[in-house]
Amino acid sequence: MTRLTKYSLLTIAILAVSWSAIFIRIADADPISTAFYRMAFAVVILIPIGGRGLIKSLQKLSRLDCALIIISGIVLGLHFASWISSLKHTTIANSVIIVSTQPFFVAVAEAVIWKTKISKGVILGMVAAFIGMILISGIGSGIGAGSLLGEFLALIGAVCAGAYLIIGRKLRQNLKNRHYILSVYSIAAITLLIIAGFTSAPLSDFSDTTWIMFVLLALIPTVIGHSLYNYLLKYLKAHIVGLTILGEPIGAIVLAALIFGEYPAVTAVVGGALILIGIALALFAKKSDNKRLETA
């Protein structure tokens, strides 16, 4: 796969995932209900594609890999449960920015677990992006004491997303993307259904608009956006994929301004520029840290 193709797919993924917070905000539903139907509808959409040969592919995996698929699905479910819940307690900007800190957790984990060497260009890019995120986070000042809960939930979502990317990087070397995402999304849906049972989250009596948002959440940010991220984990290191996810806050903030009138401050514009610069520095570093991984 050429560099242009990989970066084009990353761009499409970022644009698709940027709609997540918008659809969630429009949907008039409990956060857990929203998360469950997002994954459940994604599974329904993917069954015709990912169902072919799924059992045979899973049978070829080791017990460890099968266990990792289950863990990956659980942490993905927890990611959506915590992050979507955070949107009820803080602004779209704060929530998306905090949950997008996942590449920092991923980079540390890769360095510790797999002794992955992170190039100076990637480190510099992360620093620039982190400064940009700090500047953007000023948008949510003064939104009330409840924001602390929202930001804490978003942080939990970031840690879970980081674990999801780390596990996905390993599994994608031996498992086709369509089989991987169908398996993981199914487990995530089951996890969220269990959480909905414990929290008494309603699973019916929604408005037509809310049902439409559930379907759009499943189709655009999940089946298109997250599935592209998973696909690229076979060709790019997890912290590179994670770093490009930092482009999501920019897209989400622009959309929030256009749709909800949540306009960013000047510092947010500067922060967004720094995030883009950071991504560019990481992707085009002279000592590339995003070379193709060995394909299986």
C-alpha atoms as a PDB file:
ATOM      1  CA  MET A   1       0.000   0.000   0.000  1.00  0.00           C
ATOM      2  CA  THR A   2       1.436   3.380  -1.001  1.00  0.00           C
ATOM      3  CA  ARG A   3       1.922   6.213   1.472  1.00  0.00           C
ATOM      4  CA  LEU A   4      -0.641   8.314  -0.415  1.00  0.00           C
ATOM      5  CA  THR A   5      -3.244   5.560  -0.106  1.00  0.00           C
ATOM      6  CA  LYS A   6      -2.623   5.120   3.617  1.00  0.00           C
ATOM      7  CA  TYR A   7      -2.873   8.850   4.306  1.00  0.00           C
ATOM      8  CA  SER A   8      -5.978   9.187   2.136  1.00  0.00           C
ATOM      9  CA  LEU A   9      -7.683   6.427   4.108  1.00  0.00           C
ATOM     10  CA  LEU A  10      -6.633   8.072   7.369  1.00  0.00           C
ATOM     11  CA  THR A  11      -8.179  11.349   6.200  1.00  0.00           C
ATOM     12  CA  ILE A  12     -11.460   9.631   5.350  1.00  0.00           C
ATOM     13  CA  ALA A  13     -11.447   7.933   8.758  1.00  0.00           C
ATOM     14  CA  ILE A  14     -10.892  11.236  10.570  1.00  0.00           C
ATOM     15  CA  LEU A  15     -13.713  12.941   8.669  1.00  0.00           C
ATOM     16  CA  ALA A  16     -16.070  10.039   9.369  1.00  0.00           C
ATOM     17  CA  VAL A  17     -15.301   9.802  13.095  1.00  0.00           C
ATOM     18  CA  SER A  18     -15.620  13.591  13.501  1.00  0.00           C
ATOM     19  CA  TRP A  19     -19.389  13.168  13.148  1.00  0.00           C
ATOM     20  CA  SER A  20     -19.648  10.967  16.264  1.00  0.00           C
ATOM     21  CA  ALA A  21     -20.191  13.718  18.809  1.00  0.00           C
ATOM     22  CA  ILE A  22     -22.667  15.499  16.522  1.00  0.00           C
ATOM     23  CA  PHE A  23     -24.905  12.453  16.051  1.00  0.00           C
ATOM     24  CA  ILE A  24     -24.688  11.667  19.770  1.00  0.00           C
ATOM     25  CA  ARG A  25     -25.676  15.198  20.738  1.00  0.00           C
ATOM     26  CA  ILE A  26     -28.704  15.108  18.416  1.00  0.00           C
ATOM     27  CA  ALA A  27     -29.839  11.679  19.620  1.00  0.00           C
ATOM     28  CA  ASP A  28     -32.230  12.026  22.559  1.00  0.00           C
ATOM     29  CA  ALA A  29     -31.206   8.903  24.409  1.00  0.00           C
ATOM     30  CA  ASP A  30     -29.337   7.580  27.426  1.00  0.00           C
ATOM     31  CA  PRO A  31     -25.568   7.387  26.727  1.00  0.00           C
ATOM     32  CA  ILE A  32     -25.457   3.627  27.292  1.00  0.00           C
ATOM     33  CA  SER A  33     -28.456   3.118  25.017  1.00  0.00           C
ATOM     34  CA  THR A  34     -26.739   5.192  22.347  1.00  0.00           C
ATOM     35  CA  ALA A  35     -23.495   3.235  22.672  1.00  0.00           C
ATOM     36  CA  PHE A  36     -25.316  -0.107  22.492  1.00  0.00           C
ATOM     37  CA  TYR A  37     -27.293   0.689  19.369  1.00  0.00           C
ATOM     38  CA  ARG A  38     -24.241   2.207  17.723  1.00  0.00           C
ATOM     39  CA  MET A  39     -22.429  -1.114  18.015  1.00  0.00           C
ATOM     40  CA  ALA A  40     -25.477  -3.324  17.464  1.00  0.00           C
ATOM     41  CA  PHE A  41     -26.416  -1.630  14.199  1.00  0.00           C
ATOM     42  CA  ALA A  42     -22.761  -1.715  13.109  1.00  0.00           C
ATOM     43  CA  VAL A  43     -22.771  -5.491  13.609  1.00  0.00           C
ATOM     44  CA  VAL A  44     -25.951  -5.841  11.551  1.00  0.00           C
ATOM     45  CA  ILE A  45     -24.414  -3.774   8.740  1.00  0.00           C
ATOM     46  CA  LEU A  46     -21.187  -5.801   8.788  1.00  0.00           C
ATOM     47  CA  ILE A  47     -22.619  -9.332   8.962  1.00  0.00           C
ATOM     48  CA  PRO A  48     -23.006  -9.734   5.157  1.00  0.00           C
ATOM     49  CA  ILE A  49     -19.359  -8.696   4.709  1.00  0.00           C
ATOM     50  CA  GLY A  50     -17.585 -10.046   7.773  1.00  0.00           C
ATOM     51  CA  GLY A  51     -19.634 -13.187   8.282  1.00  0.00           C
ATOM     52  CA  ARG A  52     -18.056 -15.048   5.355  1.00  0.00           C
ATOM     53  CA  GLY A  53     -15.270 -17.293   6.625  1.00  0.00           C
ATOM     54  CA  LEU A  54     -15.390 -15.830  10.130  1.00  0.00           C
ATOM     55  CA  ILE A  55     -15.543 -19.141  12.007  1.00  0.00           C
ATOM     56  CA  LYS A  56     -12.641 -20.641  10.029  1.00  0.00           C
ATOM     57  CA  SER A  57     -10.502 -17.544  10.654  1.00  0.00           C
ATOM     58  CA  LEU A  58     -11.176 -17.641  14.384  1.00  0.00           C
ATOM     59  CA  GLN A  59     -10.390 -21.360  14.558  1.00  0.00           C
ATOM     60  CA  LYS A  60      -6.891 -20.680  13.226  1.00  0.00           C
ATOM     61  CA  LEU A  61      -6.095 -18.279  16.061  1.00  0.00           C
ATOM     62  CA  SER A  62      -4.304 -19.207  19.263  1.00  0.00           C
ATOM     63  CA  ARG A  63      -6.124 -19.194  22.587  1.00  0.00           C
ATOM     64  CA  LEU A  64      -4.265 -16.027  23.483  1.00  0.00           C
ATOM     65  CA  ASP A  65      -5.480 -14.247  20.356  1.00  0.00           C
ATOM     66  CA  CYS A  66      -9.053 -15.386  20.994  1.00  0.00           C
ATOM     67  CA  ALA A  67      -8.801 -14.040  24.528  1.00  0.00           C
ATOM     68  CA  LEU A  68      -7.426 -10.767  23.178  1.00  0.00           C
ATOM     69  CA  ILE A  69     -10.395 -10.438  20.815  1.00  0.00           C
ATOM     70  CA  ILE A  70     -12.733 -10.710  23.797  1.00  0.00           C
ATOM     71  CA  ILE A  71     -10.696  -8.171  25.774  1.00  0.00           C
ATOM     72  CA  SER A  72     -10.587  -5.838  22.772  1.00  0.00           C
ATOM     73  CA  GLY A  73     -14.369  -5.963  22.429  1.00  0.00           C
ATOM     74  CA  ILE A  74     -14.888  -5.316  26.139  1.00  0.00           C
ATOM     75  CA  VAL A  75     -12.576  -2.283  26.254  1.00  0.00           C
ATOM     76  CA  LEU A  76     -14.179  -0.934  23.073  1.00  0.00           C
ATOM     77  CA  GLY A  77     -17.577  -1.203  24.725  1.00  0.00           C
ATOM     78  CA  LEU A  78     -16.251   0.540  27.845  1.00  0.00           C
ATOM     79  CA  HIS A  79     -14.680   3.230  25.644  1.00  0.00           C
ATOM     80  CA  PHE A  80     -18.009   4.088  24.034  1.00  0.00           C
ATOM     81  CA  ALA A  81     -19.920   3.836  27.327  1.00  0.00           C
ATOM     82  CA  SER A  82     -17.610   6.259  29.131  1.00  0.00           C
ATOM     83  CA  TRP A  83     -16.969   8.658  26.250  1.00  0.00           C
ATOM     84  CA  ILE A  84     -20.606   8.989  25.143  1.00  0.00           C
ATOM     85  CA  SER A  85     -21.572   9.512  28.794  1.00  0.00           C
ATOM     86  CA  SER A  86     -18.994  12.309  29.016  1.00  0.00           C
ATOM     87  CA  LEU A  87     -20.823  14.273  26.315  1.00  0.00           C
ATOM     88  CA  LYS A  88     -23.748  14.679  28.714  1.00  0.00           C
ATOM     89  CA  HIS A  89     -21.556  16.475  31.238  1.00  0.00           C
ATOM     90  CA  THR A  90     -19.149  18.633  29.233  1.00  0.00           C
ATOM     91  CA  THR A  91     -18.775  20.313  25.842  1.00  0.00           C
ATOM     92  CA  ILE A  92     -18.079  18.457  22.626  1.00  0.00           C
ATOM     93  CA  ALA A  93     -14.697  20.217  22.450  1.00  0.00           C
ATOM     94  CA  ASN A  94     -13.520  19.140  25.915  1.00  0.00           C
ATOM     95  CA  SER A  95     -14.822  15.607  25.561  1.00  0.00           C
ATOM     96  CA  VAL A  96     -13.337  14.936  22.142  1.00  0.00           C
ATOM     97  CA  ILE A  97     -10.014  16.524  23.045  1.00  0.00           C
ATOM     98  CA  ILE A  98      -9.544  14.485  26.219  1.00  0.00           C
ATOM     99  CA  VAL A  99     -10.589  11.195  24.631  1.00  0.00           C
ATOM    100  CA  SER A 100      -8.113  11.936  21.847  1.00  0.00           C
ATOM    101  CA  THR A 101      -5.170  11.738  24.263  1.00  0.00           C
ATOM    102  CA  GLN A 102      -5.163   8.016  23.496  1.00  0.00           C
ATOM    103  CA  PRO A 103      -2.034   8.139  21.257  1.00  0.00           C
ATOM    104  CA  PHE A 104       0.057   9.185  24.244  1.00  0.00           C
ATOM    105  CA  PHE A 105      -1.050   6.096  26.174  1.00  0.00           C
ATOM    106  CA  VAL A 106      -0.487   3.965  23.068  1.00  0.00           C
ATOM    107  CA  ALA A 107       3.034   5.302  22.490  1.00  0.00           C
ATOM    108  CA  VAL A 108       4.053   4.581  26.071  1.00  0.00           C
ATOM    109  CA  ALA A 109       2.535   1.081  25.941  1.00  0.00           C
ATOM    110  CA  GLU A 110       4.259   0.240  22.641  1.00  0.00           C
ATOM    111  CA  ALA A 111       7.598   1.440  23.987  1.00  0.00           C
ATOM    112  CA  VAL A 112       7.225  -0.628  27.160  1.00  0.00           C
ATOM    113  CA  ILE A 113       5.568  -3.783  25.796  1.00  0.00           C
ATOM    114  CA  TRP A 114       7.176  -4.140  22.358  1.00  0.00           C
ATOM    115  CA  LYS A 115      10.216  -1.909  22.854  1.00  0.00           C
ATOM    116  CA  THR A 116       9.062   0.098  19.836  1.00  0.00           C
ATOM    117  CA  LYS A 117      11.427   2.923  18.968  1.00  0.00           C
ATOM    118  CA  ILE A 118       9.607   6.207  18.505  1.00  0.00           C
ATOM    119  CA  SER A 119      11.369   8.597  16.155  1.00  0.00           C
ATOM    120  CA  LYS A 120      12.224  12.178  17.074  1.00  0.00           C
ATOM    121  CA  GLY A 121       9.795  13.405  14.434  1.00  0.00           C
ATOM    122  CA  VAL A 122       6.914  11.538  16.059  1.00  0.00           C
ATOM    123  CA  ILE A 123       7.876  12.772  19.523  1.00  0.00           C
ATOM    124  CA  LEU A 124       8.060  16.362  18.258  1.00  0.00           C
ATOM    125  CA  GLY A 125       4.703  15.898  16.548  1.00  0.00           C
ATOM    126  CA  MET A 126       3.147  14.609  19.754  1.00  0.00           C
ATOM    127  CA  VAL A 127       4.475  17.562  21.717  1.00  0.00           C
ATOM    128  CA  ALA A 128       3.067  20.026  19.172  1.00  0.00           C
ATOM    129  CA  ALA A 129      -0.279  18.227  19.148  1.00  0.00           C
ATOM    130  CA  PHE A 130      -0.388  18.115  22.940  1.00  0.00           C
ATOM    131  CA  ILE A 131       0.196  21.863  23.168  1.00  0.00           C
ATOM    132  CA  GLY A 132      -2.543  22.339  20.601  1.00  0.00           C
ATOM    133  CA  MET A 133      -4.915  20.231  22.694  1.00  0.00           C
ATOM    134  CA  ILE A 134      -4.147  22.347  25.779  1.00  0.00           C
ATOM    135  CA  LEU A 135      -5.002  25.512  23.842  1.00  0.00           C
ATOM    136  CA  ILE A 136      -8.236  24.043  22.498  1.00  0.00           C
ATOM    137  CA  SER A 137      -9.304  22.848  25.946  1.00  0.00           C
ATOM    138  CA  GLY A 138      -9.795  26.479  26.923  1.00  0.00           C
ATOM    139  CA  ILE A 139     -13.039  26.450  24.933  1.00  0.00           C
ATOM    140  CA  GLY A 140     -14.879  24.697  27.686  1.00  0.00           C
ATOM    141  CA  SER A 141     -13.985  27.093  30.519  1.00  0.00           C
ATOM    142  CA  GLY A 142     -16.901  28.165  32.603  1.00  0.00           C
ATOM    143  CA  ILE A 143     -19.250  25.359  31.624  1.00  0.00           C
ATOM    144  CA  GLY A 144     -19.944  24.442  35.241  1.00  0.00           C
ATOM    145  CA  ALA A 145     -18.811  22.052  37.962  1.00  0.00           C
ATOM    146  CA  GLY A 146     -20.372  19.121  36.183  1.00  0.00           C
ATOM    147  CA  SER A 147     -17.646  19.266  33.567  1.00  0.00           C
ATOM    148  CA  LEU A 148     -15.204  17.484  35.892  1.00  0.00           C
ATOM    149  CA  LEU A 149     -17.271  14.312  35.701  1.00  0.00           C
ATOM    150  CA  GLY A 150     -17.488  14.610  31.921  1.00  0.00           C
ATOM    151  CA  GLU A 151     -13.743  15.083  31.579  1.00  0.00           C
ATOM    152  CA  PHE A 152     -13.025  12.131  33.886  1.00  0.00           C
ATOM    153  CA  LEU A 153     -15.311   9.897  31.816  1.00  0.00           C
ATOM    154  CA  ALA A 154     -13.592  11.097  28.628  1.00  0.00           C
ATOM    155  CA  LEU A 155     -10.214  10.196  30.161  1.00  0.00           C
ATOM    156  CA  ILE A 156     -11.432   6.665  30.904  1.00  0.00           C
ATOM    157  CA  GLY A 157     -12.564   6.517  27.288  1.00  0.00           C
ATOM    158  CA  ALA A 158      -9.080   7.540  26.161  1.00  0.00           C
ATOM    159  CA  VAL A 159      -7.370   4.802  28.190  1.00  0.00           C
ATOM    160  CA  CYS A 160      -9.793   2.168  26.864  1.00  0.00           C
ATOM    161  CA  ALA A 161      -9.311   3.373  23.285  1.00  0.00           C
ATOM    162  CA  GLY A 162      -5.554   3.162  23.715  1.00  0.00           C
ATOM    163  CA  ALA A 163      -5.820  -0.438  24.908  1.00  0.00           C
ATOM    164  CA  TYR A 164      -8.113  -1.193  21.970  1.00  0.00           C
ATOM    165  CA  LEU A 165      -5.535   0.127  19.473  1.00  0.00           C
ATOM    166  CA  ILE A 166      -2.667  -1.761  21.120  1.00  0.00           C
ATOM    167  CA  ILE A 167      -4.544  -5.062  21.009  1.00  0.00           C
ATOM    168  CA  GLY A 168      -5.778  -4.383  17.488  1.00  0.00           C
ATOM    169  CA  ARG A 169      -2.245  -3.847  16.220  1.00  0.00           C
ATOM    170  CA  LYS A 170      -1.306  -7.389  17.282  1.00  0.00           C
ATOM    171  CA  LEU A 171      -4.472  -9.124  16.112  1.00  0.00           C
ATOM    172  CA  ARG A 172      -4.594  -7.430  12.716  1.00  0.00           C
ATOM    173  CA  GLN A 173      -1.360  -9.145  11.695  1.00  0.00           C
ATOM    174  CA  ASN A 174      -3.099 -12.533  11.632  1.00  0.00           C
ATOM    175  CA  LEU A 175      -6.754 -11.710  11.128  1.00  0.00           C
ATOM    176  CA  LYS A 176      -8.578 -10.081   8.235  1.00  0.00           C
ATOM    177  CA  ASN A 177     -10.055  -6.706   9.058  1.00  0.00           C
ATOM    178  CA  ARG A 178     -13.648  -7.699   8.259  1.00  0.00           C
ATOM    179  CA  HIS A 179     -13.397 -10.667  10.608  1.00  0.00           C
ATOM    180  CA  TYR A 180     -11.682  -8.667  13.320  1.00  0.00           C
ATOM    181  CA  ILE A 181     -14.130  -5.771  13.391  1.00  0.00           C
ATOM    182  CA  LEU A 182     -17.223  -7.993  13.263  1.00  0.00           C
ATOM    183  CA  SER A 183     -15.915 -10.054  16.193  1.00  0.00           C
ATOM    184  CA  VAL A 184     -14.876  -7.057  18.268  1.00  0.00           C
ATOM    185  CA  TYR A 185     -17.981  -4.988  17.536  1.00  0.00           C
ATOM    186  CA  SER A 186     -20.181  -7.964  18.468  1.00  0.00           C
ATOM    187  CA  ILE A 187     -18.448  -8.372  21.825  1.00  0.00           C
ATOM    188  CA  ALA A 188     -18.642  -4.619  22.400  1.00  0.00           C
ATOM    189  CA  ALA A 189     -22.393  -4.715  21.717  1.00  0.00           C
ATOM    190  CA  ILE A 190     -22.849  -7.583  24.199  1.00  0.00           C
ATOM    191  CA  THR A 191     -20.780  -5.702  26.789  1.00  0.00           C
ATOM    192  CA  LEU A 192     -22.936  -2.605  26.365  1.00  0.00           C
ATOM    193  CA  LEU A 193     -26.129  -4.657  26.557  1.00  0.00           C
ATOM    194  CA  ILE A 194     -24.981  -6.034  29.914  1.00  0.00           C
ATOM    195  CA  ILE A 195     -24.140  -2.525  31.129  1.00  0.00           C
ATOM    196  CA  ALA A 196     -27.558  -1.332  29.960  1.00  0.00           C
ATOM    197  CA  GLY A 197     -29.150  -4.080  32.039  1.00  0.00           C
ATOM    198  CA  PHE A 198     -27.281  -3.068  35.181  1.00  0.00           C
ATOM    199  CA  THR A 199     -27.947   0.653  34.680  1.00  0.00           C
ATOM    200  CA  SER A 200     -31.571   0.241  33.541  1.00  0.00           C
ATOM    201  CA  ALA A 201     -30.820   2.160  30.357  1.00  0.00           C
ATOM    202  CA  PRO A 202     -33.913   2.203  28.102  1.00  0.00           C
ATOM    203  CA  LEU A 203     -33.684   0.282  24.836  1.00  0.00           C
ATOM    204  CA  SER A 204     -36.990   1.352  23.265  1.00  0.00           C
ATOM    205  CA  ASP A 205     -39.479   4.218  22.850  1.00  0.00           C
ATOM    206  CA  PHE A 206     -37.075   6.537  21.046  1.00  0.00           C
ATOM    207  CA  SER A 207     -38.059   9.214  18.540  1.00  0.00           C
ATOM    208  CA  ASP A 208     -37.604   8.672  14.807  1.00  0.00           C
ATOM    209  CA  THR A 209     -34.768  11.209  14.836  1.00  0.00           C
ATOM    210  CA  THR A 210     -32.942   9.281  17.551  1.00  0.00           C
ATOM    211  CA  TRP A 211     -33.242   5.981  15.657  1.00  0.00           C
ATOM    212  CA  ILE A 212     -31.833   7.706  12.575  1.00  0.00           C
ATOM    213  CA  MET A 213     -28.901   8.996  14.651  1.00  0.00           C
ATOM    214  CA  PHE A 214     -28.229   5.465  15.918  1.00  0.00           C
ATOM    215  CA  VAL A 215     -28.017   4.181  12.341  1.00  0.00           C
ATOM    216  CA  LEU A 216     -25.817   7.087  11.241  1.00  0.00           C
ATOM    217  CA  LEU A 217     -23.519   6.487  14.234  1.00  0.00           C
ATOM    218  CA  ALA A 218     -23.166   2.858  13.230  1.00  0.00           C
ATOM    219  CA  LEU A 219     -22.606   3.570   9.547  1.00  0.00           C
ATOM    220  CA  ILE A 220     -20.378   6.652   9.346  1.00  0.00           C
ATOM    221  CA  PRO A 221     -18.118   6.917  12.440  1.00  0.00           C
ATOM    222  CA  THR A 222     -18.093   3.166  13.174  1.00  0.00           C
ATOM    223  CA  VAL A 223     -18.363   1.039  10.018  1.00  0.00           C
ATOM    224  CA  ILE A 224     -16.444   3.599   7.950  1.00  0.00           C
ATOM    225  CA  GLY A 225     -14.292   5.520  10.441  1.00  0.00           C
ATOM    226  CA  HIS A 226     -13.263   3.012  13.098  1.00  0.00           C
ATOM    227  CA  SER A 227     -13.098   0.163  10.606  1.00  0.00           C
ATOM    228  CA  LEU A 228     -10.606   2.116   8.497  1.00  0.00           C
ATOM    229  CA  TYR A 229      -8.474   2.736  11.585  1.00  0.00           C
ATOM    230  CA  ASN A 230      -8.505  -1.005  12.290  1.00  0.00           C
ATOM    231  CA  TYR A 231      -7.657  -1.789   8.682  1.00  0.00           C
ATOM    232  CA  LEU A 232      -4.627   0.513   8.801  1.00  0.00           C
ATOM    233  CA  LEU A 233      -3.315  -1.068  12.011  1.00  0.00           C
ATOM    234  CA  LYS A 234      -1.822  -3.781   9.802  1.00  0.00           C
ATOM    235  CA  TYR A 235       0.225  -1.215   7.889  1.00  0.00           C
ATOM    236  CA  LEU A 236       0.886   1.498  10.458  1.00  0.00           C
ATOM    237  CA  LYS A 237       2.036   1.347  14.062  1.00  0.00           C
ATOM    238  CA  ALA A 238      -0.674   1.876  16.641  1.00  0.00           C
ATOM    239  CA  HIS A 239       0.657   5.174  17.983  1.00  0.00           C
ATOM    240  CA  ILE A 240       0.742   6.622  14.441  1.00  0.00           C
ATOM    241  CA  VAL A 241      -2.899   5.677  13.882  1.00  0.00           C
ATOM    242  CA  GLY A 242      -3.677   7.042  17.340  1.00  0.00           C
ATOM    243  CA  LEU A 243      -1.919  10.319  16.617  1.00  0.00           C
ATOM    244  CA  THR A 244      -3.945  10.942  13.474  1.00  0.00           C
ATOM    245  CA  ILE A 245      -7.096  10.520  15.573  1.00  0.00           C
ATOM    246  CA  LEU A 246      -6.131  13.884  17.070  1.00  0.00           C
ATOM    247  CA  GLY A 247      -7.554  15.353  13.883  1.00  0.00           C
ATOM    248  CA  GLU A 248     -11.023  14.377  15.136  1.00  0.00           C
ATOM    249  CA  PRO A 249     -11.349  17.302  17.595  1.00  0.00           C
ATOM    250  CA  ILE A 250     -10.789  19.749  14.757  1.00  0.00           C
ATOM    251  CA  GLY A 251     -13.523  18.230  12.635  1.00  0.00           C
ATOM    252  CA  ALA A 252     -15.875  17.894  15.607  1.00  0.00           C
ATOM    253  CA  ILE A 253     -15.326  21.497  16.716  1.00  0.00           C
ATOM    254  CA  VAL A 254     -15.971  22.839  13.209  1.00  0.00           C
ATOM    255  CA  LEU A 255     -19.149  20.783  12.931  1.00  0.00           C
ATOM    256  CA  ALA A 256     -20.258  21.808  16.451  1.00  0.00           C
ATOM    257  CA  ALA A 257     -19.802  25.467  15.508  1.00  0.00           C
ATOM    258  CA  LEU A 258     -21.821  25.100  12.322  1.00  0.00           C
ATOM    259  CA  ILE A 259     -24.618  22.980  13.798  1.00  0.00           C
ATOM    260  CA  PHE A 260     -24.863  23.965  17.471  1.00  0.00           C
ATOM    261  CA  GLY A 261     -23.261  27.401  17.504  1.00  0.00           C
ATOM    262  CA  GLU A 262     -20.431  26.269  19.820  1.00  0.00           C
ATOM    263  CA  TYR A 263     -17.855  28.595  18.311  1.00  0.00           C
ATOM    264  CA  PRO A 264     -14.163  28.139  19.144  1.00  0.00           C
ATOM    265  CA  ALA A 265     -11.966  30.850  20.612  1.00  0.00           C
ATOM    266  CA  VAL A 266      -8.874  32.185  18.856  1.00  0.00           C
ATOM    267  CA  THR A 267      -6.722  29.932  21.034  1.00  0.00           C
ATOM    268  CA  ALA A 268      -8.686  26.965  19.716  1.00  0.00           C
ATOM    269  CA  VAL A 269      -7.875  27.925  16.142  1.00  0.00           C
ATOM    270  CA  VAL A 270      -4.183  28.151  17.032  1.00  0.00           C
ATOM    271  CA  GLY A 271      -4.460  24.839  18.887  1.00  0.00           C
ATOM    272  CA  GLY A 272      -6.060  23.195  15.893  1.00  0.00           C
ATOM    273  CA  ALA A 273      -3.236  24.413  13.674  1.00  0.00           C
ATOM    274  CA  LEU A 274      -0.685  22.955  16.092  1.00  0.00           C
ATOM    275  CA  ILE A 275      -2.466  19.600  16.067  1.00  0.00           C
ATOM    276  CA  LEU A 276      -2.333  19.506  12.274  1.00  0.00           C
ATOM    277  CA  ILE A 277       1.348  20.459  12.345  1.00  0.00           C
ATOM    278  CA  GLY A 278       1.997  17.732  14.909  1.00  0.00           C
ATOM    279  CA  ILE A 279       0.289  15.120  12.755  1.00  0.00           C
ATOM    280  CA  ALA A 280       2.242  16.237   9.700  1.00  0.00           C
ATOM    281  CA  LEU A 281       5.550  16.106  11.597  1.00  0.00           C
ATOM    282  CA  ALA A 282       4.836  12.569  12.752  1.00  0.00           C
ATOM    283  CA  LEU A 283       3.664  11.262   9.384  1.00  0.00           C
ATOM    284  CA  PHE A 284       6.467  12.803   7.363  1.00  0.00           C
ATOM    285  CA  ALA A 285       9.313  12.355   9.836  1.00  0.00           C
ATOM    286  CA  LYS A 286      12.632  11.721   8.071  1.00  0.00           C
ATOM    287  CA  LYS A 287      13.255   8.656  10.195  1.00  0.00           C
ATOM    288  CA  SER A 288       9.805   7.266   9.484  1.00  0.00           C
ATOM    289  CA  ASP A 289       8.065   5.531  12.319  1.00  0.00           C
ATOM    290  CA  ASN A 290       5.150   4.507  10.154  1.00  0.00           C
ATOM    291  CA  LYS A 291       6.770   2.055   7.747  1.00  0.00           C
ATOM    292  CA  ARG A 292       4.733  -0.980   6.703  1.00  0.00           C
ATOM    293  CA  LEU A 293       4.578  -3.712   9.284  1.00  0.00           C
ATOM    294  CA  GLU A 294       5.175  -7.251   8.171  1.00  0.00           C
ATOM    295  CA  THR A 295       1.991  -8.522   6.537  1.00  0.00           C
ATOM    296  CA  ALA A 296       0.662 -11.969   7.199  1.00  0.00           C
END
